[in-house]
Structures are given as structure tokens and as C-alpha cells.
Amino acid sequence: MDPFTTQSLEGILRRDLHAPLYHQLQGFLRGLIERGEIGDGEQLPREEELARRLRISRVTVRQALQLLANDGLLVRQRGRGTRVVGGSTARGSSIPMPLKTPLGELIHSLDTLASNTQVRLLGWERVVPPEPIREQFGSGPEETLVHCVRVRSRHGQAFGYYASWTRTKHPEFNAEQLAYGSRIALFRRCGIRFLQVQQTVSALRAGALTAMHLQMSPGQAVMNLTRRSYGPDQQLLDLLDIQYRPDQLRYQMRLDYETNHPETFV
């Protein structure tokens, strides 16, 4: 079945979601490539044709195709259109290991979350952290870090309790900025650049303080996410611990197959 007929494309893009349309489209096309529904060397419909069938702008289509081209899944040539170069050689065939999670897509997802939710600052201080935190950062007994506690909400419903420690001396990384904006945007403004992010997801029972801010009962299950963000030389720059209401947020991860080094699993 042709995946690009108007009937096949019906309903794949949803304007009621917070994810941008180009991001939804690139995810749909990536899935077709990775499942082998469009194989290596196959030609995609032209930009204007995809835009017409999906009832979106050519700019939106172009953004989605460029993301996939940047990831090495498509080749775009003026006058020749766009063809798949990172797909299966035959339908139904598998793509070699290993798996990776693109940092760029993670940052984009965090930007989307930040721009569509509200934040409330509960506490901010620049202090010497307790010993367990110092051990993780490898910081000295006199080095101060920024400690921040915030709650994120959507439509008046709190869904996430955020506690973070950040290694920075930048004066703009302060309570005023953290009270209203996105930490991701603030990292950029302060020149804090991450080269690697590690995440751990687990289940916990909500403590009294977390339960109060998330409007839950103490002891109820929460989804706990710990994110460690590293800069050059594997130096830990930011440690974030989030407790989510499981009925208010779904955590979804996409894993991509890397073809360059099949012996390495990340």
C-alpha cells in the first residue's frame, strides 16, 4: 500500500497537539523509513505534493525533510527531489544495531514542553551542596552550585516537581530568570553547553512535600526522572530530579538505529 496517498496520510498530523507539525511529520516519515515501508533509494513525493496532500505549507514539509536529511536518512537534490538513503534495502528487513537517542531531539522536546506549560519557582539559592551532591559533581568543599525547586503546571494542574543543581557562576542564572522562563533557554543565554545527557526513569512513592505541590496523597506512585547533563571532559554541569504525576504526563522515548558502528551499543 502506498503510504503517501491522501487516504494514507489522513489524520497523521494533529493540530491539537503541542508538537509542531514539522516535528510530527518528520517522526511519521522516520517511522516509514525505519520500518522499511519506504526502502533505500526510493523517491519521496515532491514538497509541493506532500504539502497539498497533508494540507500544510511547503515550509513545514521542507523543515521535516531537512531534519531527516541532517540525520542521514534522506538525500535532497535540486531538480531531482528527495530520496531515502538510510532505509532498509528491502521491505521488512531490519536496520543494524546499535541504538541511540539524539540529543538534539531531546532538547527540542524540552523546548516544546517549556513553551506550552507554566512554571512556579518554589526556591532558589547559591550554596555549597550536601556531600552526596558534591560527590556527583566532583566539587570541592567550598564550591557553590545553584539549587532550584520549581513546579510545572498545565491548565492549572501541577504535573511535575523539579529539583535541580547547576554548576554555573553566570549572574543571569538567578531566581528572577528561573521564575518565569525555561531552563533550556537560560542555559543557552548563559553559554552552558551540554555534550551528553543521561536519563534514568523509575517509580517512587510521593513524599509529603512533593504530594502537596502535585495535589496528590503522600505515598501515591510518581514517575521519577533523573537527568544528568555533562559538558566538556565529562564534567557534570546539571543534575535534575523530576517527580511527575503519572496521570498527567506520558514519557515517550524514540530510539534510533545507528548504522556506522554496529558493534557498539549505546
C-alpha atoms as a PDB file:
ATOM      1  CA  MET A   1       0.000   0.000   0.000  1.00  0.00           C
ATOM      2  CA  ASP A   2       1.322   3.433  -0.953  1.00  0.00           C
ATOM      3  CA  PRO A   3       1.938   5.329   2.327  1.00  0.00           C
ATOM      4  CA  PHE A   4       1.656   8.686   0.539  1.00  0.00           C
ATOM      5  CA  THR A   5      -1.888   8.551  -0.790  1.00  0.00           C
ATOM      6  CA  THR A   6      -4.221  11.196   0.556  1.00  0.00           C
ATOM      7  CA  GLN A   7      -6.159   8.426   2.336  1.00  0.00           C
ATOM      8  CA  SER A   8      -2.993   7.006   3.968  1.00  0.00           C
ATOM      9  CA  LEU A   9      -1.947  10.464   5.162  1.00  0.00           C
ATOM     10  CA  GLU A  10      -5.347  11.289   6.644  1.00  0.00           C
ATOM     11  CA  GLY A  11      -5.061  12.190  10.325  1.00  0.00           C
ATOM     12  CA  ILE A  12      -1.287  11.704  10.744  1.00  0.00           C
ATOM     13  CA  LEU A  13      -0.831  15.369  11.719  1.00  0.00           C
ATOM     14  CA  ARG A  14      -2.778  16.726  14.653  1.00  0.00           C
ATOM     15  CA  ARG A  15      -3.108  20.419  15.297  1.00  0.00           C
ATOM     16  CA  ASP A  16      -4.427  19.819  18.826  1.00  0.00           C
ATOM     17  CA  LEU A  17      -1.000  18.505  19.931  1.00  0.00           C
ATOM     18  CA  HIS A  18       1.735  20.758  21.265  1.00  0.00           C
ATOM     19  CA  ALA A  19       4.368  19.210  18.977  1.00  0.00           C
ATOM     20  CA  PRO A  20       4.961  21.358  15.851  1.00  0.00           C
ATOM     21  CA  LEU A  21       3.578  19.961  12.598  1.00  0.00           C
ATOM     22  CA  TYR A  22       7.038  19.633  11.030  1.00  0.00           C
ATOM     23  CA  HIS A  23       8.160  17.605  14.064  1.00  0.00           C
ATOM     24  CA  GLN A  24       5.143  15.300  13.746  1.00  0.00           C
ATOM     25  CA  LEU A  25       5.798  14.871  10.019  1.00  0.00           C
ATOM     26  CA  GLN A  26       9.471  14.016  10.423  1.00  0.00           C
ATOM     27  CA  GLY A  27       8.523  11.438  13.067  1.00  0.00           C
ATOM     28  CA  PHE A  28       5.967   9.866  10.692  1.00  0.00           C
ATOM     29  CA  LEU A  29       8.458   9.721   7.808  1.00  0.00           C
ATOM     30  CA  ARG A  30      11.210   8.376  10.061  1.00  0.00           C
ATOM     31  CA  GLY A  31       8.902   5.562  11.112  1.00  0.00           C
ATOM     32  CA  LEU A  32       8.183   4.655   7.486  1.00  0.00           C
ATOM     33  CA  ILE A  33      11.919   4.508   6.756  1.00  0.00           C
ATOM     34  CA  GLU A  34      12.851   2.519   9.854  1.00  0.00           C
ATOM     35  CA  ARG A  35      10.032   0.001   9.350  1.00  0.00           C
ATOM     36  CA  GLY A  36      11.065  -0.478   5.736  1.00  0.00           C
ATOM     37  CA  GLU A  37       7.763   0.838   4.343  1.00  0.00           C
ATOM     38  CA  ILE A  38       9.856   3.092   2.118  1.00  0.00           C
ATOM     39  CA  GLY A  39      13.112   1.444   1.213  1.00  0.00           C
ATOM     40  CA  ASP A  40      16.632   2.547   0.437  1.00  0.00           C
ATOM     41  CA  GLY A  41      16.789   4.506  -2.825  1.00  0.00           C
ATOM     42  CA  GLU A  42      13.063   5.187  -3.046  1.00  0.00           C
ATOM     43  CA  GLN A  43      11.876   8.629  -4.091  1.00  0.00           C
ATOM     44  CA  LEU A  44       9.554  10.693  -1.889  1.00  0.00           C
ATOM     45  CA  PRO A  45       6.760  12.819  -3.357  1.00  0.00           C
ATOM     46  CA  ARG A  46       7.835  16.371  -4.115  1.00  0.00           C
ATOM     47  CA  GLU A  47       7.499  19.027  -1.406  1.00  0.00           C
ATOM     48  CA  GLU A  48       4.521  20.734  -3.022  1.00  0.00           C
ATOM     49  CA  GLU A  49       2.713  17.411  -3.466  1.00  0.00           C
ATOM     50  CA  LEU A  50       3.216  16.371   0.169  1.00  0.00           C
ATOM     51  CA  ALA A  51       2.093  19.821   1.289  1.00  0.00           C
ATOM     52  CA  ARG A  52      -1.070  19.559  -0.826  1.00  0.00           C
ATOM     53  CA  ARG A  53      -1.979  16.088   0.426  1.00  0.00           C
ATOM     54  CA  LEU A  54      -1.318  16.989   4.066  1.00  0.00           C
ATOM     55  CA  ARG A  55      -2.880  20.465   3.763  1.00  0.00           C
ATOM     56  CA  ILE A  56       0.163  22.169   5.241  1.00  0.00           C
ATOM     57  CA  SER A  57       2.713  24.656   3.917  1.00  0.00           C
ATOM     58  CA  ARG A  58       5.758  23.739   1.845  1.00  0.00           C
ATOM     59  CA  VAL A  59       7.887  25.378   4.544  1.00  0.00           C
ATOM     60  CA  THR A  60       6.599  22.837   7.082  1.00  0.00           C
ATOM     61  CA  VAL A  61       7.361  19.939   4.722  1.00  0.00           C
ATOM     62  CA  ARG A  62      10.816  21.349   3.979  1.00  0.00           C
ATOM     63  CA  GLN A  63      11.639  21.596   7.701  1.00  0.00           C
ATOM     64  CA  ALA A  64      10.684  17.950   8.290  1.00  0.00           C
ATOM     65  CA  LEU A  65      12.673  16.706   5.291  1.00  0.00           C
ATOM     66  CA  GLN A  66      15.727  18.716   6.279  1.00  0.00           C
ATOM     67  CA  LEU A  67      15.727  17.177   9.774  1.00  0.00           C
ATOM     68  CA  LEU A  68      15.790  13.703   8.233  1.00  0.00           C
ATOM     69  CA  ALA A  69      18.470  14.749   5.758  1.00  0.00           C
ATOM     70  CA  ASN A  70      20.563  16.055   8.659  1.00  0.00           C
ATOM     71  CA  ASP A  71      20.257  12.606  10.271  1.00  0.00           C
ATOM     72  CA  GLY A  72      21.481  10.926   7.077  1.00  0.00           C
ATOM     73  CA  LEU A  73      18.155   9.282   6.200  1.00  0.00           C
ATOM     74  CA  LEU A  74      17.406  11.362   3.103  1.00  0.00           C
ATOM     75  CA  VAL A  75      19.327  12.955   0.256  1.00  0.00           C
ATOM     76  CA  ARG A  76      17.862  16.124  -1.261  1.00  0.00           C
ATOM     77  CA  GLN A  77      18.991  17.252  -4.704  1.00  0.00           C
ATOM     78  CA  ARG A  78      17.783  20.314  -6.557  1.00  0.00           C
ATOM     79  CA  GLY A  79      15.788  19.270  -9.592  1.00  0.00           C
ATOM     80  CA  ARG A  80      15.835  15.600  -8.574  1.00  0.00           C
ATOM     81  CA  GLY A  81      13.750  15.673  -5.419  1.00  0.00           C
ATOM     82  CA  THR A  82      14.278  13.661  -2.250  1.00  0.00           C
ATOM     83  CA  ARG A  83      15.192  10.000  -1.903  1.00  0.00           C
ATOM     84  CA  VAL A  84      15.792   7.631   1.007  1.00  0.00           C
ATOM     85  CA  VAL A  85      19.380   6.632   1.769  1.00  0.00           C
ATOM     86  CA  GLY A  86      19.078   5.387   5.351  1.00  0.00           C
ATOM     87  CA  GLY A  87      16.277   2.882   4.994  1.00  0.00           C
ATOM     88  CA  SER A  88      16.067  -0.879   4.570  1.00  0.00           C
ATOM     89  CA  THR A  89      17.234  -2.391   1.321  1.00  0.00           C
ATOM     90  CA  ALA A  90      14.047  -4.424   1.170  1.00  0.00           C
ATOM     91  CA  ARG A  91      10.673  -4.158   2.811  1.00  0.00           C
ATOM     92  CA  GLY A  92      10.536  -5.771   6.198  1.00  0.00           C
ATOM     93  CA  SER A  93      14.308  -6.024   6.576  1.00  0.00           C
ATOM     94  CA  SER A  94      15.881  -4.828   9.781  1.00  0.00           C
ATOM     95  CA  ILE A  95      18.233  -1.911  10.359  1.00  0.00           C
ATOM     96  CA  PRO A  96      21.508  -2.777  12.101  1.00  0.00           C
ATOM     97  CA  MET A  97      22.254  -2.001  15.731  1.00  0.00           C
ATOM     98  CA  PRO A  98      23.113  -0.026  17.789  1.00  0.00           C
ATOM     99  CA  LEU A  99      20.553   2.300  19.301  1.00  0.00           C
ATOM    100  CA  LYS A 100      20.998   5.940  20.169  1.00  0.00           C
ATOM    101  CA  THR A 101      18.813   8.779  21.415  1.00  0.00           C
ATOM    102  CA  PRO A 102      19.551  12.039  19.592  1.00  0.00           C
ATOM    103  CA  LEU A 103      20.372  14.871  21.995  1.00  0.00           C
ATOM    104  CA  GLY A 104      19.015  17.406  19.535  1.00  0.00           C
ATOM    105  CA  GLU A 105      15.570  15.835  19.599  1.00  0.00           C
ATOM    106  CA  LEU A 106      15.593  15.693  23.402  1.00  0.00           C
ATOM    107  CA  ILE A 107      16.371  19.426  23.576  1.00  0.00           C
ATOM    108  CA  HIS A 108      13.628  20.149  21.051  1.00  0.00           C
ATOM    109  CA  SER A 109      11.120  18.163  23.133  1.00  0.00           C
ATOM    110  CA  LEU A 110      12.120  20.076  26.261  1.00  0.00           C
ATOM    111  CA  ASP A 111      11.676  23.370  24.419  1.00  0.00           C
ATOM    112  CA  THR A 112       8.188  22.284  23.375  1.00  0.00           C
ATOM    113  CA  LEU A 113       7.282  21.264  26.930  1.00  0.00           C
ATOM    114  CA  ALA A 114       8.566  24.544  28.365  1.00  0.00           C
ATOM    115  CA  SER A 115       6.700  26.705  25.844  1.00  0.00           C
ATOM    116  CA  ASN A 116       3.360  25.008  26.495  1.00  0.00           C
ATOM    117  CA  THR A 117       3.337  24.826  30.300  1.00  0.00           C
ATOM    118  CA  GLN A 118       3.602  27.194  33.245  1.00  0.00           C
ATOM    119  CA  VAL A 119       6.299  27.239  35.906  1.00  0.00           C
ATOM    120  CA  ARG A 120       6.288  28.370  39.538  1.00  0.00           C
ATOM    121  CA  LEU A 121       9.513  28.923  41.455  1.00  0.00           C
ATOM    122  CA  LEU A 122       9.442  27.485  44.978  1.00  0.00           C
ATOM    123  CA  GLY A 123      13.046  28.107  45.963  1.00  0.00           C
ATOM    124  CA  TRP A 124      16.419  29.306  44.679  1.00  0.00           C
ATOM    125  CA  GLU A 125      19.816  29.567  46.355  1.00  0.00           C
ATOM    126  CA  ARG A 126      23.501  29.527  45.507  1.00  0.00           C
ATOM    127  CA  VAL A 127      25.042  27.315  48.183  1.00  0.00           C
ATOM    128  CA  VAL A 128      27.603  24.630  48.892  1.00  0.00           C
ATOM    129  CA  PRO A 129      25.636  21.411  48.267  1.00  0.00           C
ATOM    130  CA  PRO A 130      25.432  18.466  50.669  1.00  0.00           C
ATOM    131  CA  GLU A 131      28.076  15.752  50.396  1.00  0.00           C
ATOM    132  CA  PRO A 132      26.105  13.331  48.155  1.00  0.00           C
ATOM    133  CA  ILE A 133      25.622  16.103  45.583  1.00  0.00           C
ATOM    134  CA  ARG A 134      29.274  17.212  45.845  1.00  0.00           C
ATOM    135  CA  GLU A 135      30.368  13.649  45.135  1.00  0.00           C
ATOM    136  CA  GLN A 136      28.350  13.533  41.920  1.00  0.00           C
ATOM    137  CA  PHE A 137      29.709  16.874  40.713  1.00  0.00           C
ATOM    138  CA  GLY A 138      33.215  16.247  41.986  1.00  0.00           C
ATOM    139  CA  SER A 139      33.070  19.699  43.565  1.00  0.00           C
ATOM    140  CA  GLY A 140      35.206  20.974  46.419  1.00  0.00           C
ATOM    141  CA  PRO A 141      34.015  21.760  49.948  1.00  0.00           C
ATOM    142  CA  GLU A 142      33.720  25.478  49.146  1.00  0.00           C
ATOM    143  CA  GLU A 143      32.346  25.419  45.588  1.00  0.00           C
ATOM    144  CA  THR A 144      28.788  26.705  45.348  1.00  0.00           C
ATOM    145  CA  LEU A 145      26.113  25.420  42.981  1.00  0.00           C
ATOM    146  CA  VAL A 146      22.711  26.826  42.098  1.00  0.00           C
ATOM    147  CA  HIS A 147      19.884  24.910  43.753  1.00  0.00           C
ATOM    148  CA  CYS A 148      16.425  25.442  42.315  1.00  0.00           C
ATOM    149  CA  VAL A 149      12.991  23.936  43.057  1.00  0.00           C
ATOM    150  CA  ARG A 150      10.089  24.537  40.690  1.00  0.00           C
ATOM    151  CA  VAL A 151       6.659  23.140  39.847  1.00  0.00           C
ATOM    152  CA  ARG A 152       5.324  22.861  36.302  1.00  0.00           C
ATOM    153  CA  SER A 153       1.616  23.024  35.512  1.00  0.00           C
ATOM    154  CA  ARG A 154      -0.687  22.855  32.543  1.00  0.00           C
ATOM    155  CA  HIS A 155      -4.185  24.341  32.527  1.00  0.00           C
ATOM    156  CA  GLY A 156      -3.894  24.894  36.257  1.00  0.00           C
ATOM    157  CA  GLN A 157      -2.947  21.294  37.055  1.00  0.00           C
ATOM    158  CA  ALA A 158       0.522  20.709  38.527  1.00  0.00           C
ATOM    159  CA  PHE A 159       2.188  17.716  36.895  1.00  0.00           C
ATOM    160  CA  GLY A 160       5.906  17.938  37.736  1.00  0.00           C
ATOM    161  CA  TYR A 161       8.030  18.740  40.805  1.00  0.00           C
ATOM    162  CA  TYR A 162      11.535  19.785  39.647  1.00  0.00           C
ATOM    163  CA  ALA A 163      14.626  19.980  41.855  1.00  0.00           C
ATOM    164  CA  SER A 164      17.958  20.853  40.246  1.00  0.00           C
ATOM    165  CA  TRP A 165      21.614  21.585  40.989  1.00  0.00           C
ATOM    166  CA  THR A 166      23.572  23.547  38.375  1.00  0.00           C
ATOM    167  CA  ARG A 167      27.272  24.343  38.146  1.00  0.00           C
ATOM    168  CA  THR A 168      27.463  27.959  36.925  1.00  0.00           C
ATOM    169  CA  LYS A 169      28.703  31.354  38.083  1.00  0.00           C
ATOM    170  CA  HIS A 170      26.767  33.288  35.454  1.00  0.00           C
ATOM    171  CA  PRO A 171      24.892  36.207  37.075  1.00  0.00           C
ATOM    172  CA  GLU A 172      21.809  35.716  34.868  1.00  0.00           C
ATOM    173  CA  PHE A 173      21.266  32.234  36.234  1.00  0.00           C
ATOM    174  CA  ASN A 174      19.185  33.706  39.053  1.00  0.00           C
ATOM    175  CA  ALA A 175      15.803  33.483  40.728  1.00  0.00           C
ATOM    176  CA  GLU A 176      14.192  36.130  38.527  1.00  0.00           C
ATOM    177  CA  GLN A 177      15.063  34.298  35.314  1.00  0.00           C
ATOM    178  CA  LEU A 178      14.140  30.872  36.683  1.00  0.00           C
ATOM    179  CA  ALA A 179      10.800  32.121  37.988  1.00  0.00           C
ATOM    180  CA  TYR A 180       9.415  32.871  34.544  1.00  0.00           C
ATOM    181  CA  GLY A 181      11.375  31.174  31.812  1.00  0.00           C
ATOM    182  CA  SER A 182      12.719  27.911  30.501  1.00  0.00           C
ATOM    183  CA  ARG A 183      15.929  26.477  31.946  1.00  0.00           C
ATOM    184  CA  ILE A 184      16.869  25.309  28.448  1.00  0.00           C
ATOM    185  CA  ALA A 185      16.635  28.877  27.136  1.00  0.00           C
ATOM    186  CA  LEU A 186      18.583  30.114  30.156  1.00  0.00           C
ATOM    187  CA  PHE A 187      21.333  27.545  29.553  1.00  0.00           C
ATOM    188  CA  ARG A 188      21.720  28.908  26.019  1.00  0.00           C
ATOM    189  CA  ARG A 189      21.789  32.515  27.181  1.00  0.00           C
ATOM    190  CA  CYS A 190      24.400  31.752  29.814  1.00  0.00           C
ATOM    191  CA  GLY A 191      26.586  29.773  27.408  1.00  0.00           C
ATOM    192  CA  ILE A 192      26.103  26.446  29.228  1.00  0.00           C
ATOM    193  CA  ARG A 193      26.535  23.781  26.559  1.00  0.00           C
ATOM    194  CA  PHE A 194      25.809  20.102  27.101  1.00  0.00           C
ATOM    195  CA  LEU A 195      27.579  17.409  25.107  1.00  0.00           C
ATOM    196  CA  GLN A 196      25.888  14.409  26.712  1.00  0.00           C
ATOM    197  CA  VAL A 197      22.719  13.772  28.682  1.00  0.00           C
ATOM    198  CA  GLN A 198      21.970  10.640  30.713  1.00  0.00           C
ATOM    199  CA  GLN A 199      18.478   9.892  31.986  1.00  0.00           C
ATOM    200  CA  THR A 200      17.111   7.363  34.444  1.00  0.00           C
ATOM    201  CA  VAL A 201      13.395   6.708  34.853  1.00  0.00           C
ATOM    202  CA  SER A 202      11.992   4.902  37.889  1.00  0.00           C
ATOM    203  CA  ALA A 203       8.899   4.698  40.064  1.00  0.00           C
ATOM    204  CA  LEU A 204       8.733   6.174  43.575  1.00  0.00           C
ATOM    205  CA  ARG A 205       6.189   6.990  46.228  1.00  0.00           C
ATOM    206  CA  ALA A 206       5.472  10.672  46.676  1.00  0.00           C
ATOM    207  CA  GLY A 207       6.770  12.279  49.853  1.00  0.00           C
ATOM    208  CA  ALA A 208       4.694  14.784  51.792  1.00  0.00           C
ATOM    209  CA  LEU A 209       6.219  17.896  50.156  1.00  0.00           C
ATOM    210  CA  THR A 210       6.012  16.566  46.604  1.00  0.00           C
ATOM    211  CA  ALA A 211       2.481  15.287  47.174  1.00  0.00           C
ATOM    212  CA  MET A 212       1.356  18.678  48.479  1.00  0.00           C
ATOM    213  CA  HIS A 213       2.607  20.549  45.388  1.00  0.00           C
ATOM    214  CA  LEU A 214       1.342  17.922  42.937  1.00  0.00           C
ATOM    215  CA  GLN A 215      -2.047  17.743  44.677  1.00  0.00           C
ATOM    216  CA  MET A 216      -1.647  14.066  45.493  1.00  0.00           C
ATOM    217  CA  SER A 217      -1.764  11.946  48.614  1.00  0.00           C
ATOM    218  CA  PRO A 218       1.567  11.027  50.268  1.00  0.00           C
ATOM    219  CA  GLY A 219       2.617   7.545  49.267  1.00  0.00           C
ATOM    220  CA  GLN A 220       0.998   7.605  45.857  1.00  0.00           C
ATOM    221  CA  ALA A 221       3.157   6.445  42.957  1.00  0.00           C
ATOM    222  CA  VAL A 222       5.029   9.050  40.931  1.00  0.00           C
ATOM    223  CA  MET A 223       7.272   8.682  37.904  1.00  0.00           C
ATOM    224  CA  ASN A 224      10.780   9.827  38.824  1.00  0.00           C
ATOM    225  CA  LEU A 225      13.198  11.057  36.149  1.00  0.00           C
ATOM    226  CA  THR A 226      16.825  11.883  36.941  1.00  0.00           C
ATOM    227  CA  ARG A 227      18.702  13.756  34.221  1.00  0.00           C
ATOM    228  CA  ARG A 228      22.473  14.301  34.342  1.00  0.00           C
ATOM    229  CA  SER A 229      23.842  16.755  31.766  1.00  0.00           C
ATOM    230  CA  TYR A 230      27.564  16.807  31.006  1.00  0.00           C
ATOM    231  CA  GLY A 231      29.854  19.345  29.368  1.00  0.00           C
ATOM    232  CA  PRO A 232      33.410  19.001  28.061  1.00  0.00           C
ATOM    233  CA  ASP A 233      35.649  16.381  29.687  1.00  0.00           C
ATOM    234  CA  GLN A 234      32.574  14.585  31.063  1.00  0.00           C
ATOM    235  CA  GLN A 235      32.125  17.278  33.709  1.00  0.00           C
ATOM    236  CA  LEU A 236      28.681  17.177  35.317  1.00  0.00           C
ATOM    237  CA  LEU A 237      27.067  20.596  34.827  1.00  0.00           C
ATOM    238  CA  ASP A 238      23.457  19.984  35.773  1.00  0.00           C
ATOM    239  CA  LEU A 239      21.622  17.439  37.914  1.00  0.00           C
ATOM    240  CA  LEU A 240      17.849  17.465  37.631  1.00  0.00           C
ATOM    241  CA  ASP A 241      15.400  15.294  39.541  1.00  0.00           C
ATOM    242  CA  ILE A 242      11.743  15.393  38.475  1.00  0.00           C
ATOM    243  CA  GLN A 243       8.737  13.701  40.018  1.00  0.00           C
ATOM    244  CA  TYR A 244       5.767  13.507  37.653  1.00  0.00           C
ATOM    245  CA  ARG A 245       2.110  12.772  38.279  1.00  0.00           C
ATOM    246  CA  PRO A 246       1.659   9.627  36.156  1.00  0.00           C
ATOM    247  CA  ASP A 247      -1.911  10.602  35.243  1.00  0.00           C
ATOM    248  CA  GLN A 248      -0.804  13.961  33.849  1.00  0.00           C
ATOM    249  CA  LEU A 249       2.261  13.154  31.763  1.00  0.00           C
ATOM    250  CA  ARG A 250       3.408  10.372  29.471  1.00  0.00           C
ATOM    251  CA  TYR A 251       7.146   9.983  28.968  1.00  0.00           C
ATOM    252  CA  GLN A 252       7.967   8.727  25.474  1.00  0.00           C
ATOM    253  CA  MET A 253      11.418   7.937  24.069  1.00  0.00           C
ATOM    254  CA  ARG A 254      12.371   7.209  20.476  1.00  0.00           C
ATOM    255  CA  LEU A 255      15.407   5.038  19.822  1.00  0.00           C
ATOM    256  CA  ASP A 256      17.212   5.258  16.503  1.00  0.00           C
ATOM    257  CA  TYR A 257      19.389   2.680  14.848  1.00  0.00           C
ATOM    258  CA  GLU A 258      22.969   3.733  14.116  1.00  0.00           C
ATOM    259  CA  THR A 259      24.450   2.069  11.038  1.00  0.00           C
ATOM    260  CA  ASN A 260      28.025   3.356  11.226  1.00  0.00           C
ATOM    261  CA  HIS A 261      29.275   1.277  14.172  1.00  0.00           C
ATOM    262  CA  PRO A 262      27.116  -1.835  14.545  1.00  0.00           C
ATOM    263  CA  GLU A 263      29.409  -3.322  17.165  1.00  0.00           C
ATOM    264  CA  THR A 264      28.719  -0.508  19.643  1.00  0.00           C
ATOM    265  CA  PHE A 265      25.548  -0.344  21.708  1.00  0.00           C
ATOM    266  CA  VAL A 266      24.787   2.974  23.369  1.00  0.00           C
END
